[in-house]
Protein backbone atom coordinates (compact mmCIF):
# COMPACT_ATOMS: atom_id res chain seq x y z
CA MET A 1 -66.17 -58.05 144.26
CA PRO A 2 -67.90 -58.37 147.65
CA GLU A 3 -68.52 -61.84 149.00
CA TYR A 4 -72.05 -63.16 148.54
CA PRO A 5 -73.39 -64.90 151.68
CA THR A 6 -74.60 -68.46 152.00
CA LEU A 7 -78.36 -68.56 151.59
CA HIS A 8 -80.85 -70.18 153.94
CA LEU A 9 -84.35 -70.21 155.38
CA LEU A 10 -84.75 -68.54 158.77
CA ILE A 11 -87.16 -70.31 161.14
CA ARG A 12 -87.10 -69.50 164.86
CA GLY A 13 -83.75 -67.89 164.24
CA GLU A 14 -82.28 -71.12 162.84
CA LYS A 15 -80.56 -70.97 159.46
CA LEU A 16 -81.81 -73.91 157.41
CA ALA A 17 -80.31 -75.14 154.13
CA GLY A 18 -79.53 -78.41 152.42
CA ASP A 19 -81.02 -81.52 154.05
CA GLY A 20 -82.46 -82.64 150.73
CA ARG A 21 -84.30 -79.41 150.02
CA ASP A 22 -84.66 -78.34 146.40
CA ALA A 23 -82.79 -75.15 145.52
CA ASP A 24 -82.97 -72.24 143.09
CA THR A 25 -79.96 -70.51 141.55
CA VAL A 26 -79.48 -66.81 142.30
CA CYS A 27 -77.69 -64.86 139.54
CA ASN A 28 -75.84 -61.56 139.26
CA PRO A 29 -77.82 -59.48 136.71
CA ALA A 30 -74.69 -57.56 135.73
CA THR A 31 -72.89 -60.70 134.58
CA GLY A 32 -75.48 -63.47 134.39
CA GLU A 33 -73.22 -65.57 136.60
CA ARG A 34 -74.34 -67.71 139.52
CA LEU A 35 -74.10 -66.15 142.97
CA GLY A 36 -75.49 -68.96 145.11
CA ASP A 37 -78.18 -71.56 145.67
CA LEU A 38 -81.33 -70.77 147.61
CA PRO A 39 -83.12 -73.59 149.46
CA ARG A 40 -86.85 -73.98 148.98
CA ALA A 41 -89.00 -74.50 152.05
CA THR A 42 -90.66 -77.89 152.22
CA ALA A 43 -94.27 -78.33 153.28
CA ALA A 44 -92.94 -79.38 156.69
CA ASP A 45 -90.86 -76.17 156.86
CA LEU A 46 -93.94 -74.07 156.12
CA ASP A 47 -96.02 -75.91 158.71
CA ARG A 48 -93.27 -75.36 161.26
CA ALA A 49 -93.11 -71.66 160.37
CA LEU A 50 -96.87 -71.38 160.84
CA GLY A 51 -96.78 -73.05 164.24
CA ILE A 52 -93.93 -70.84 165.39
CA ALA A 53 -95.68 -67.72 164.08
CA GLU A 54 -98.71 -68.65 166.17
CA GLN A 55 -96.47 -68.93 169.24
CA GLY A 56 -94.73 -65.70 168.31
CA PHE A 57 -98.01 -63.82 168.15
CA SER A 58 -99.01 -65.05 171.60
CA ARG A 59 -95.73 -63.68 172.94
CA TRP A 60 -95.39 -60.45 170.95
CA ARG A 61 -98.98 -59.23 171.30
CA THR A 62 -98.31 -58.76 175.03
CA ALA A 63 -94.98 -56.98 174.53
CA THR A 64 -95.06 -53.38 175.71
CA ALA A 65 -94.94 -50.52 173.24
CA ASP A 66 -91.54 -49.62 174.64
CA GLU A 67 -90.26 -53.14 173.96
CA ARG A 68 -91.52 -53.11 170.37
CA ALA A 69 -90.15 -49.63 169.79
CA GLY A 70 -86.82 -50.55 171.31
CA VAL A 71 -86.30 -53.46 168.91
CA LEU A 72 -87.18 -51.36 165.88
CA THR A 73 -84.94 -48.49 166.97
CA LYS A 74 -81.97 -50.77 167.62
CA ALA A 75 -82.53 -52.57 164.29
CA ALA A 76 -82.50 -49.19 162.53
CA GLY A 77 -79.13 -48.47 164.11
CA LEU A 78 -77.77 -51.82 162.95
CA LEU A 79 -79.02 -51.12 159.43
CA ARG A 80 -77.10 -47.88 159.40
CA GLU A 81 -73.97 -49.58 160.74
CA ARG A 82 -74.18 -52.36 158.16
CA GLN A 83 -75.34 -50.28 155.19
CA ASP A 84 -72.14 -50.74 153.18
CA GLU A 85 -72.20 -54.53 153.55
CA ILE A 86 -75.93 -54.87 152.89
CA ALA A 87 -75.86 -52.44 149.96
CA ALA A 88 -73.09 -54.42 148.28
CA ILE A 89 -75.11 -57.63 148.63
CA LEU A 90 -78.20 -55.87 147.30
CA THR A 91 -76.33 -54.58 144.24
CA LEU A 92 -74.81 -58.00 143.55
CA GLU A 93 -78.19 -59.72 143.38
CA GLN A 94 -80.41 -56.92 142.06
CA GLY A 95 -78.12 -54.70 140.01
CA LYS A 96 -78.90 -51.13 141.11
CA PRO A 97 -76.00 -48.71 141.71
CA LEU A 98 -74.47 -48.77 145.19
CA ARG A 99 -75.64 -45.22 145.84
CA GLU A 100 -79.27 -46.29 145.34
CA ALA A 101 -78.73 -49.45 147.40
CA LYS A 102 -77.36 -47.45 150.33
CA GLY A 103 -80.28 -45.03 150.05
CA GLU A 104 -82.65 -47.98 150.28
CA CYS A 105 -80.96 -49.16 153.49
CA LEU A 106 -81.17 -45.69 155.02
CA TYR A 107 -84.84 -45.26 154.08
CA SER A 108 -85.56 -48.63 155.69
CA ALA A 109 -83.76 -47.54 158.86
CA ALA A 110 -85.79 -44.31 158.94
CA LEU A 111 -88.98 -46.31 158.43
CA PHE A 112 -88.15 -48.56 161.40
CA GLU A 113 -87.51 -45.46 163.51
CA PHE A 114 -90.85 -43.97 162.51
CA TYR A 115 -92.66 -47.23 163.20
CA ALA A 116 -90.96 -47.34 166.61
CA GLY A 117 -92.74 -44.10 167.41
CA GLU A 118 -96.03 -45.37 165.99
CA ALA A 119 -95.85 -48.36 168.33
CA LYS A 120 -96.52 -45.83 171.10
CA ARG A 121 -99.14 -43.82 169.20
CA ALA A 122 -101.90 -46.36 168.50
CA TYR A 123 -103.98 -44.60 171.10
CA GLY A 124 -107.58 -45.65 170.52
CA ARG A 125 -110.18 -43.30 172.01
CA THR A 126 -112.85 -42.94 174.67
CA LEU A 127 -116.34 -42.06 173.45
CA VAL A 128 -118.65 -39.55 175.12
CA ARG A 129 -121.30 -41.33 177.22
CA PRO A 130 -123.72 -40.40 180.04
CA ALA A 131 -122.57 -40.74 183.65
CA GLY A 132 -122.25 -44.37 184.66
CA LYS A 133 -121.60 -45.56 181.10
CA ARG A 134 -118.37 -45.90 179.17
CA ALA A 135 -117.30 -46.84 175.66
CA GLU A 136 -113.73 -47.28 174.46
CA VAL A 137 -112.26 -47.99 171.03
CA MET A 138 -109.11 -50.11 171.21
CA TYR A 139 -106.63 -51.06 168.47
CA LEU A 140 -105.28 -54.60 168.80
CA PRO A 141 -102.86 -56.58 166.60
CA VAL A 142 -104.62 -58.53 163.86
CA GLY A 143 -102.59 -61.74 164.30
CA PRO A 144 -99.95 -63.64 162.32
CA ILE A 145 -99.34 -62.09 158.90
CA ALA A 146 -98.12 -63.68 155.66
CA ALA A 147 -96.11 -61.16 153.65
CA PHE A 148 -94.70 -61.45 150.15
CA ALA A 149 -92.10 -58.97 148.85
CA PRO A 150 -90.76 -58.44 145.30
CA TRP A 151 -87.21 -58.12 143.98
CA ASN A 152 -87.03 -54.47 142.92
CA PHE A 153 -86.35 -53.12 146.44
CA PRO A 154 -84.98 -56.16 148.28
CA VAL A 155 -84.39 -54.34 151.58
CA LEU A 156 -87.15 -51.72 151.64
CA ASN A 157 -89.94 -54.04 150.53
CA VAL A 158 -89.06 -56.49 153.31
CA ALA A 159 -88.78 -53.62 155.81
CA ARG A 160 -92.30 -52.54 154.88
CA LYS A 161 -93.59 -56.08 155.22
CA VAL A 162 -92.17 -56.71 158.69
CA GLY A 163 -91.92 -53.23 160.25
CA GLY A 164 -95.64 -52.53 160.54
CA PRO A 165 -96.50 -55.95 161.99
CA ILE A 166 -93.68 -55.76 164.55
CA ALA A 167 -94.74 -52.28 165.65
CA ALA A 168 -98.36 -53.41 165.96
CA GLY A 169 -97.60 -56.55 168.00
CA CYS A 170 -98.07 -59.15 165.25
CA SER A 171 -95.89 -62.03 164.14
CA VAL A 172 -95.00 -62.35 160.46
CA ILE A 173 -93.88 -64.92 157.94
CA VAL A 174 -92.14 -63.06 155.15
CA LYS A 175 -91.12 -64.37 151.75
CA PRO A 176 -88.60 -62.07 150.07
CA SER A 177 -88.12 -62.60 146.36
CA GLU A 178 -86.24 -65.73 145.40
CA GLU A 179 -84.22 -63.57 142.97
CA THR A 180 -82.92 -61.24 145.70
CA PRO A 181 -82.95 -63.25 148.94
CA ALA A 182 -79.75 -62.21 150.72
CA ALA A 183 -80.60 -58.53 151.25
CA GLY A 184 -83.94 -59.38 152.84
CA LEU A 185 -82.31 -61.97 155.07
CA ALA A 186 -79.75 -59.36 156.16
CA LEU A 187 -82.52 -56.96 157.13
CA VAL A 188 -84.35 -59.57 159.23
CA GLN A 189 -81.05 -60.51 160.85
CA CYS A 190 -80.75 -56.90 162.02
CA LEU A 191 -84.09 -57.30 163.80
CA LEU A 192 -83.05 -60.55 165.44
CA ASP A 193 -79.73 -59.05 166.51
CA ALA A 194 -81.70 -56.11 167.94
CA GLY A 195 -83.54 -58.47 170.28
CA LEU A 196 -86.64 -59.47 168.33
CA PRO A 197 -87.83 -62.84 169.68
CA PRO A 198 -87.09 -65.37 166.93
CA GLU A 199 -90.68 -66.65 167.03
CA VAL A 200 -91.92 -63.29 165.77
CA CYS A 201 -90.41 -63.23 162.26
CA GLN A 202 -89.82 -66.21 159.97
CA VAL A 203 -88.24 -66.08 156.48
CA VAL A 204 -89.16 -68.69 153.86
CA PHE A 205 -88.53 -69.19 150.16
CA GLY A 206 -89.88 -71.50 147.47
CA VAL A 207 -92.07 -71.62 144.41
CA PRO A 208 -94.17 -68.47 145.02
CA ALA A 209 -97.52 -70.03 144.11
CA ASP A 210 -96.87 -73.05 146.31
CA VAL A 211 -95.76 -71.00 149.32
CA SER A 212 -98.66 -68.57 149.09
CA GLU A 213 -101.26 -71.31 148.70
CA HIS A 214 -99.86 -73.22 151.66
CA LEU A 215 -99.67 -70.23 154.00
CA LEU A 216 -103.00 -68.69 153.01
CA ALA A 217 -104.79 -72.01 153.45
CA SER A 218 -103.90 -71.95 157.14
CA PRO A 219 -106.33 -70.42 159.66
CA ILE A 220 -103.27 -69.30 161.63
CA ILE A 221 -102.66 -66.53 159.11
CA ARG A 222 -105.00 -63.60 159.73
CA LYS A 223 -103.74 -61.17 157.13
CA LEU A 224 -102.01 -61.08 153.74
CA SER A 225 -99.61 -58.31 152.69
CA PHE A 226 -98.39 -58.37 149.09
CA THR A 227 -96.38 -56.13 146.78
CA GLY A 228 -96.20 -57.18 143.14
CA SER A 229 -98.07 -57.35 139.89
CA THR A 230 -101.81 -56.83 139.56
CA PRO A 231 -102.53 -60.29 138.04
CA VAL A 232 -100.74 -62.09 140.89
CA GLY A 233 -102.34 -59.77 143.43
CA LYS A 234 -105.82 -60.59 142.16
CA GLN A 235 -105.12 -64.31 142.52
CA LEU A 236 -103.82 -63.88 146.07
CA VAL A 237 -106.87 -61.82 147.07
CA LYS A 238 -109.05 -64.72 145.92
CA LEU A 239 -107.06 -67.12 148.09
CA ALA A 240 -107.31 -64.78 151.06
CA ALA A 241 -111.05 -64.39 150.52
CA ASN A 242 -111.59 -68.09 151.13
CA ASP A 243 -110.86 -67.48 154.81
CA LEU A 244 -111.86 -63.77 154.85
CA LYS A 245 -108.31 -62.74 155.67
CA ARG A 246 -107.52 -59.04 155.70
CA THR A 247 -105.35 -57.80 152.84
CA THR A 248 -102.94 -55.00 152.01
CA MET A 249 -102.16 -55.01 148.30
CA GLU A 250 -99.59 -52.74 146.65
CA LEU A 251 -99.90 -53.66 142.99
CA GLY A 252 -98.89 -52.41 139.56
CA GLY A 253 -98.96 -48.89 138.22
CA HIS A 254 -98.33 -46.95 135.02
CA GLY A 255 -97.32 -43.57 136.37
CA PRO A 256 -98.69 -40.60 134.41
CA VAL A 257 -96.75 -37.32 134.40
CA LEU A 258 -98.71 -34.23 133.36
CA VAL A 259 -96.35 -31.53 132.07
CA PHE A 260 -97.98 -28.15 131.48
CA ALA A 261 -96.46 -25.38 129.39
CA ASP A 262 -96.47 -22.96 132.34
CA SER A 263 -94.03 -25.14 134.31
CA ASP A 264 -90.26 -24.82 134.55
CA ILE A 265 -89.41 -27.28 131.78
CA ASP A 266 -85.69 -27.53 132.54
CA LYS A 267 -86.39 -28.24 136.21
CA ALA A 268 -88.99 -30.82 135.23
CA LEU A 269 -86.48 -32.56 132.95
CA ASP A 270 -83.64 -32.42 135.46
CA THR A 271 -85.95 -33.98 138.06
CA MET A 272 -87.94 -36.52 136.07
CA VAL A 273 -85.21 -38.05 133.89
CA PRO A 274 -83.23 -39.39 136.89
CA ALA A 275 -86.53 -40.46 138.48
CA LYS A 276 -87.54 -42.36 135.35
CA PHE A 277 -84.29 -44.30 135.10
CA ARG A 278 -83.81 -44.90 138.84
CA ASN A 279 -83.42 -48.64 139.42
CA ALA A 280 -83.53 -49.06 135.62
CA GLY A 281 -87.20 -48.02 135.70
CA GLN A 282 -88.09 -51.06 137.82
CA VAL A 283 -90.10 -49.05 140.33
CA CYS A 284 -93.83 -49.41 140.94
CA VAL A 285 -94.17 -45.61 141.15
CA SER A 286 -91.86 -44.95 138.20
CA PRO A 287 -92.93 -41.95 136.07
CA THR A 288 -93.64 -43.52 132.69
CA ARG A 289 -96.43 -41.91 130.62
CA PHE A 290 -95.41 -38.30 130.00
CA ILE A 291 -98.53 -36.35 129.10
CA VAL A 292 -97.16 -33.10 127.71
CA GLU A 293 -99.07 -29.97 126.77
CA ASP A 294 -98.64 -29.17 123.09
CA ALA A 295 -96.83 -25.84 123.58
CA ALA A 296 -94.04 -27.53 125.57
CA TYR A 297 -93.96 -30.84 123.72
CA ASP A 298 -91.00 -30.53 121.34
CA ARG A 299 -88.74 -28.94 123.95
CA PHE A 300 -89.63 -31.53 126.57
CA ARG A 301 -89.24 -34.53 124.25
CA ASP A 302 -85.90 -33.39 122.85
CA GLY A 303 -84.57 -32.44 126.29
CA PHE A 304 -85.63 -35.80 127.73
CA ALA A 305 -83.91 -37.74 124.93
CA GLU A 306 -80.72 -35.70 125.27
CA ARG A 307 -80.50 -36.37 129.01
CA ALA A 308 -81.35 -40.07 128.59
CA LYS A 309 -78.48 -40.54 126.14
CA ALA A 310 -76.05 -39.03 128.69
CA ILE A 311 -76.85 -41.55 131.45
CA LYS A 312 -73.89 -43.82 132.23
CA VAL A 313 -75.03 -47.44 132.31
CA GLY A 314 -72.80 -49.99 134.01
CA ASN A 315 -72.25 -52.47 136.80
CA GLY A 316 -73.77 -51.03 139.96
CA LEU A 317 -70.57 -51.79 141.87
CA GLU A 318 -68.50 -49.53 139.60
CA ASP A 319 -67.90 -45.89 140.40
CA GLY A 320 -69.88 -43.50 138.25
CA SER A 321 -72.59 -45.93 137.18
CA GLN A 322 -75.91 -44.08 137.10
CA MET A 323 -78.05 -47.02 135.99
CA GLY A 324 -77.40 -50.72 136.42
CA PRO A 325 -78.78 -53.70 134.51
CA MET A 326 -82.35 -54.85 134.56
CA ALA A 327 -82.80 -57.41 137.32
CA ASN A 328 -83.58 -60.42 135.17
CA GLU A 329 -83.55 -61.73 131.63
CA ARG A 330 -87.30 -62.05 131.24
CA GLY A 331 -87.86 -58.37 132.05
CA ARG A 332 -85.26 -57.28 129.53
CA ASP A 333 -86.63 -59.55 126.81
CA ASN A 334 -90.22 -58.49 127.46
CA LEU A 335 -89.28 -54.80 127.32
CA GLU A 336 -87.41 -55.27 124.07
CA ARG A 337 -90.41 -57.02 122.54
CA ARG A 338 -92.80 -54.25 123.61
CA ILE A 339 -90.54 -51.50 122.27
CA LYS A 340 -90.32 -53.21 118.89
CA ALA A 341 -94.10 -53.62 118.85
CA ALA A 342 -94.62 -49.93 119.67
CA MET A 343 -92.29 -48.88 116.86
CA ALA A 344 -94.11 -51.19 114.47
CA ASP A 345 -97.31 -49.47 115.57
CA GLY A 346 -95.85 -46.08 114.61
CA ALA A 347 -94.01 -44.83 117.71
CA ARG A 348 -90.91 -42.70 117.24
CA LEU A 349 -87.62 -43.81 118.85
CA ASP A 350 -85.77 -40.84 120.33
CA ALA A 351 -83.15 -42.64 122.43
CA GLY A 352 -82.01 -46.15 123.30
CA GLY A 353 -84.21 -49.06 122.35
CA GLU A 354 -81.54 -51.75 122.47
CA ARG A 355 -79.52 -54.04 124.70
CA ILE A 356 -76.05 -53.03 125.85
CA GLY A 357 -73.19 -55.54 125.69
CA ASN A 358 -73.20 -59.32 125.64
CA ALA A 359 -73.07 -60.00 129.39
CA GLY A 360 -75.77 -59.37 131.95
CA PHE A 361 -79.16 -57.77 131.40
CA PHE A 362 -78.25 -54.20 130.45
CA PHE A 363 -80.67 -52.13 128.39
CA ALA A 364 -80.20 -48.58 127.14
CA PRO A 365 -82.29 -45.75 128.64
CA THR A 366 -85.07 -45.47 126.08
CA VAL A 367 -87.37 -42.67 124.99
CA LEU A 368 -90.37 -43.23 122.70
CA SER A 369 -92.73 -40.52 121.51
CA ASP A 370 -95.91 -40.17 119.44
CA LEU A 371 -97.17 -43.54 120.61
CA PRO A 372 -100.62 -44.78 119.60
CA LEU A 373 -102.79 -45.36 122.66
CA ASP A 374 -103.57 -48.95 121.69
CA THR A 375 -99.96 -50.13 121.67
CA GLU A 376 -99.10 -52.46 124.54
CA LEU A 377 -96.60 -50.14 126.22
CA MET A 378 -99.28 -47.49 126.69
CA ASN A 379 -101.56 -49.91 128.51
CA GLU A 380 -99.37 -52.33 130.46
CA GLU A 381 -96.69 -51.30 132.94
CA PRO A 382 -93.29 -51.65 131.19
CA PHE A 383 -91.30 -51.93 134.44
CA GLY A 384 -88.08 -50.95 132.72
CA PRO A 385 -85.99 -48.01 131.47
CA VAL A 386 -88.42 -46.59 128.94
CA ALA A 387 -90.19 -43.21 128.90
CA LEU A 388 -93.33 -42.73 126.78
CA ILE A 389 -94.00 -39.15 125.63
CA ASN A 390 -97.16 -37.92 123.89
CA ARG A 391 -98.62 -34.48 123.19
CA TYR A 392 -102.03 -33.21 124.34
CA ALA A 393 -104.05 -30.08 123.71
CA GLY A 394 -104.80 -28.97 127.27
CA GLU A 395 -105.78 -29.74 130.84
CA ALA A 396 -109.03 -31.65 130.32
CA GLU A 397 -107.51 -33.97 127.72
CA MET A 398 -104.42 -34.48 129.86
CA ILE A 399 -106.38 -35.43 132.97
CA ALA A 400 -108.50 -37.81 130.90
CA GLU A 401 -105.37 -39.57 129.69
CA ALA A 402 -103.92 -39.74 133.20
CA ASN A 403 -107.12 -41.46 134.39
CA ARG A 404 -107.65 -43.65 131.30
CA LEU A 405 -106.04 -46.81 132.65
CA PRO A 406 -107.39 -48.96 135.51
CA TYR A 407 -104.21 -48.30 137.53
CA GLY A 408 -103.85 -45.57 140.13
CA LEU A 409 -100.68 -45.81 142.19
CA ALA A 410 -98.51 -42.68 141.76
CA ALA A 411 -99.03 -39.72 139.44
CA TYR A 412 -96.96 -36.61 138.83
CA ALA A 413 -97.68 -33.10 137.57
CA TRP A 414 -95.65 -30.04 136.67
CA THR A 415 -97.38 -26.66 136.71
CA ASN A 416 -96.96 -23.22 138.27
CA ASP A 417 -100.72 -22.54 138.25
CA ALA A 418 -101.98 -22.71 141.87
CA ALA A 419 -105.61 -23.19 140.88
CA ARG A 420 -104.66 -26.00 138.53
CA ARG A 421 -102.65 -27.73 141.27
CA SER A 422 -105.79 -27.78 143.40
CA ARG A 423 -107.87 -29.19 140.55
CA LEU A 424 -105.31 -31.91 139.85
CA ALA A 425 -105.24 -32.93 143.51
CA HIS A 426 -108.97 -33.64 143.31
CA GLU A 427 -109.27 -35.00 139.77
CA VAL A 428 -106.24 -37.22 139.13
CA GLU A 429 -107.06 -40.77 140.22
CA ALA A 430 -104.05 -41.98 142.18
CA GLY A 431 -103.13 -42.98 145.69
CA MET A 432 -100.23 -40.52 145.58
CA LEU A 433 -99.86 -37.33 143.55
CA VAL A 434 -96.52 -35.50 143.36
CA ILE A 435 -96.62 -31.90 142.11
CA ASN A 436 -93.40 -30.27 140.90
CA GLY A 437 -91.28 -33.07 142.32
CA ALA A 438 -90.44 -36.76 142.01
CA SER A 439 -90.60 -38.37 145.46
CA ALA A 440 -93.82 -40.31 145.99
CA SER A 441 -92.88 -41.83 149.35
CA ALA A 442 -91.95 -40.67 152.83
CA VAL A 443 -91.78 -42.70 156.03
CA ASP A 444 -94.55 -40.64 157.66
CA ALA A 445 -96.91 -40.67 154.65
CA PRO A 446 -99.23 -43.52 153.59
CA PHE A 447 -98.01 -45.41 150.52
CA GLY A 448 -100.62 -47.20 148.41
CA GLY A 449 -102.88 -47.04 145.39
CA VAL A 450 -106.43 -47.12 144.08
CA LYS A 451 -108.26 -49.06 141.37
CA TRP A 452 -106.14 -51.95 140.04
CA SER A 453 -103.11 -50.62 141.91
CA GLY A 454 -104.45 -52.17 145.09
CA HIS A 455 -105.77 -51.13 148.47
CA GLY A 456 -104.46 -50.48 151.94
CA HIS A 457 -101.27 -48.69 152.88
CA GLU A 458 -97.73 -49.10 154.11
CA ASP A 459 -95.58 -46.37 155.69
CA GLY A 460 -97.09 -43.64 157.84
CA ALA A 461 -99.40 -44.28 160.76
CA GLU A 462 -101.58 -46.21 158.32
CA GLY A 463 -98.82 -48.81 157.90
CA VAL A 464 -99.18 -49.81 161.54
CA LEU A 465 -102.96 -49.46 161.77
CA ALA A 466 -103.22 -51.78 158.74
CA CYS A 467 -101.87 -54.51 161.05
CA MET A 468 -104.45 -53.84 163.76
CA VAL A 469 -108.17 -54.30 164.28
CA ALA A 470 -110.54 -51.90 165.99
CA LYS A 471 -112.42 -53.27 168.99
CA THR A 472 -115.17 -51.38 170.79
CA VAL A 473 -115.76 -52.04 174.51
CA HIS A 474 -119.09 -50.86 175.99
CA GLU A 475 -119.65 -50.62 179.76
CA GLY A 476 -122.91 -49.92 181.60
């Protein structure tokens, strides 16, 4: 068992704990046992973080592109060097298999490297004007940013929250999840060890509502960046609107997967089953609603259930584990309740549907089919290891079902019809559409949704530009 680190706040590079601060217990989801105690920031801690972030912005906004890029590049190297240590911490507090945890560290390193390049590519432009006149569009850092990251990707979500601001020349106060604090702290420590001035990035923890209200009430904060549920996101947008702060919101989804009879069904199954149960289904872009054309339905449903039953569930630190526990008790209990409700509403259980063991928060990979559209699972993101499979007559009905919900983060489609692929690209309402594959993210591609799945982007050039404001300068 790897050693779990002592937890702390990180303000101006100083590790703060104790001193009468309240604390939250961090648990191992594979065992339910205590890992450590996490200090909550006091109001004075938050005020100090705000003041330091203001100083950090004054310093970092004047840093050269080479300086910003150099820090990000060196931090990426440290992430790669420390991947084994950080991945073990991540698995201890979040539960995912070590292989997935290491992949998360490596993606974060690649994202830092891409952002390092983007620090030098925020070019602006010169507009065409008559002789003697000039007009220039400049991109400047927006200012100090408050960023809130969830627990499902403890390293990557924090990397997304701090990488763009640092590349753009902003300072940032980041709050990783209180359930998975150590991995986020380890990532920020890589940045500090890479030479990031300690005024530029602060790490705080506490009661989420209290921390967000305190930070967003301050005029020092110029932008909010949030990844999490749609209900919480809506509340934070309201708080940000009080001061007209800019926002980037990556919210909930309910990923539709359109499977057409002309596709390679075995390839679709071999690709989508691991994608569905990655991170125990606790992925905002997880493929969840499988919208299957009637002619392929029975084969797809039976093949999906067969593969789901073969997945090895176990402690993420153990060799051979393909799926770890769910990250917390409330998620497991809520999923169990929704599955029982769906079955009571007439859904068919093809695999799983139950807890595994008496320790930790393990839940069997689950497949439900023939679900009524009004059951809760078909309308609210399950955020767990459950696949929902229904049959449909053809393309028009399938697209209508994909677009039925108010969410639009990631969608997937399997078809060998080139004309249909073009139609789907235009008609499926999602921020990201994956055709004949499962990867909805890449460091050089914008990541974000539409409708109730939020607005704005991380990753890609857009992830840096989201931390900047356009300024036009006219001469003559």
